[in-house]
Amino acid sequence: MPIDVAALEAAIREAILITTLEIEDQSSGCGESYAVVLVSEAFQGKSTLARHRMVNNLLKSHIAQMHAFSQKTYTPQQYEELKK
């Protein structure tokens, strides 16, 4: 069963306090492939691997229904540096 953007956004916002969230449906609207950018203080002090594991665990039931899921996770400070 495909996941829509609103359901994915709600699941993310329910699971973790996010300051910035970008969701891109990369499957031309069929809900099978998503790329997300998440910015949160919850990532402070965690390695990229630990952040990804955290998000994967929080969204495991949603991810199981997708063909592909990619994520980029940043602290607010890292995200501000990236935007410069």
Protein backbone atom coordinates (compact mmCIF):
# COMPACT_ATOMS: atom_id res chain seq x y z
CA MET A 1 0.00 0.00 0.00
CA PRO A 2 1.59 3.31 -1.08
CA ILE A 3 2.32 6.03 1.44
CA ASP A 4 1.26 9.60 0.68
CA VAL A 5 3.26 12.69 1.58
CA ALA A 6 0.78 13.84 4.25
CA ALA A 7 0.88 10.48 6.05
CA LEU A 8 4.68 10.40 5.96
CA GLU A 9 4.92 13.98 7.21
CA ALA A 10 2.47 13.28 10.04
CA ALA A 11 4.40 10.17 11.11
CA ILE A 12 7.70 12.07 11.16
CA ARG A 13 6.33 15.07 13.05
CA GLU A 14 4.63 12.77 15.56
CA ALA A 15 7.83 10.84 16.24
CA ILE A 16 10.44 13.60 16.50
CA LEU A 17 10.60 17.37 16.95
CA ILE A 18 11.63 18.69 13.54
CA THR A 19 12.67 22.26 12.74
CA THR A 20 12.84 21.70 8.97
CA LEU A 21 11.29 18.90 6.95
CA GLU A 22 11.45 18.44 3.19
CA ILE A 23 9.77 15.44 1.58
CA GLU A 24 10.15 14.59 -2.10
CA ASP A 25 8.10 11.86 -3.73
CA GLN A 26 10.58 10.48 -6.26
CA SER A 27 8.12 7.98 -7.69
CA SER A 28 6.04 10.40 -9.79
CA GLY A 29 3.23 10.42 -7.27
CA CYS A 30 2.72 6.71 -6.68
CA GLY A 31 4.15 6.83 -3.12
CA GLU A 32 6.77 4.14 -3.53
CA SER A 33 9.97 6.19 -3.25
CA TYR A 34 10.75 9.13 -1.00
CA ALA A 35 13.73 11.33 -0.21
CA VAL A 36 13.56 13.37 2.99
CA VAL A 37 15.65 16.07 4.62
CA LEU A 38 15.19 16.27 8.39
CA VAL A 39 16.61 18.94 10.66
CA SER A 40 16.33 18.43 14.39
CA GLU A 41 18.10 19.15 17.67
CA ALA A 42 17.51 15.44 18.43
CA PHE A 43 20.42 14.66 16.07
CA GLN A 44 22.91 16.65 18.15
CA GLY A 45 25.89 14.49 19.15
CA LYS A 46 24.81 11.52 17.00
CA SER A 47 26.70 10.14 14.03
CA THR A 48 25.02 10.01 10.63
CA LEU A 49 24.56 6.27 11.03
CA ALA A 50 22.92 6.70 14.45
CA ARG A 51 20.61 9.38 13.05
CA HIS A 52 19.55 7.20 10.14
CA ARG A 53 18.96 4.22 12.40
CA MET A 54 16.86 6.40 14.66
CA VAL A 55 14.68 7.63 11.77
CA ASN A 56 14.44 4.16 10.24
CA ASN A 57 13.29 2.74 13.57
CA LEU A 58 10.71 5.51 14.07
CA LEU A 59 9.30 5.01 10.56
CA LYS A 60 9.82 1.27 10.09
CA SER A 61 6.16 0.47 9.38
CA HIS A 62 6.00 3.21 6.74
CA ILE A 63 9.36 2.37 5.18
CA ALA A 64 8.33 -1.29 4.89
CA GLN A 65 5.60 -0.20 2.47
CA MET A 66 8.00 1.71 0.18
CA HIS A 67 10.31 0.62 -2.57
CA ALA A 68 12.96 3.20 -1.66
CA PHE A 69 13.60 5.67 1.16
CA SER A 70 16.57 8.02 1.43
CA GLN A 71 17.26 10.55 4.12
CA LYS A 72 19.57 13.39 4.97
CA THR A 73 19.68 14.35 8.63
CA TYR A 74 21.15 17.53 10.07
CA THR A 75 21.28 19.50 13.28
CA PRO A 76 20.00 23.07 12.88
CA GLN A 77 23.58 24.35 13.00
CA GLN A 78 24.73 21.93 10.26
CA TYR A 79 21.75 22.88 8.10
CA GLU A 80 22.50 26.61 8.43
CA GLU A 81 26.12 25.98 7.40
CA LEU A 82 24.95 23.92 4.44
CA LYS A 83 22.65 26.69 3.22
CA LYS A 84 25.51 29.27 3.18
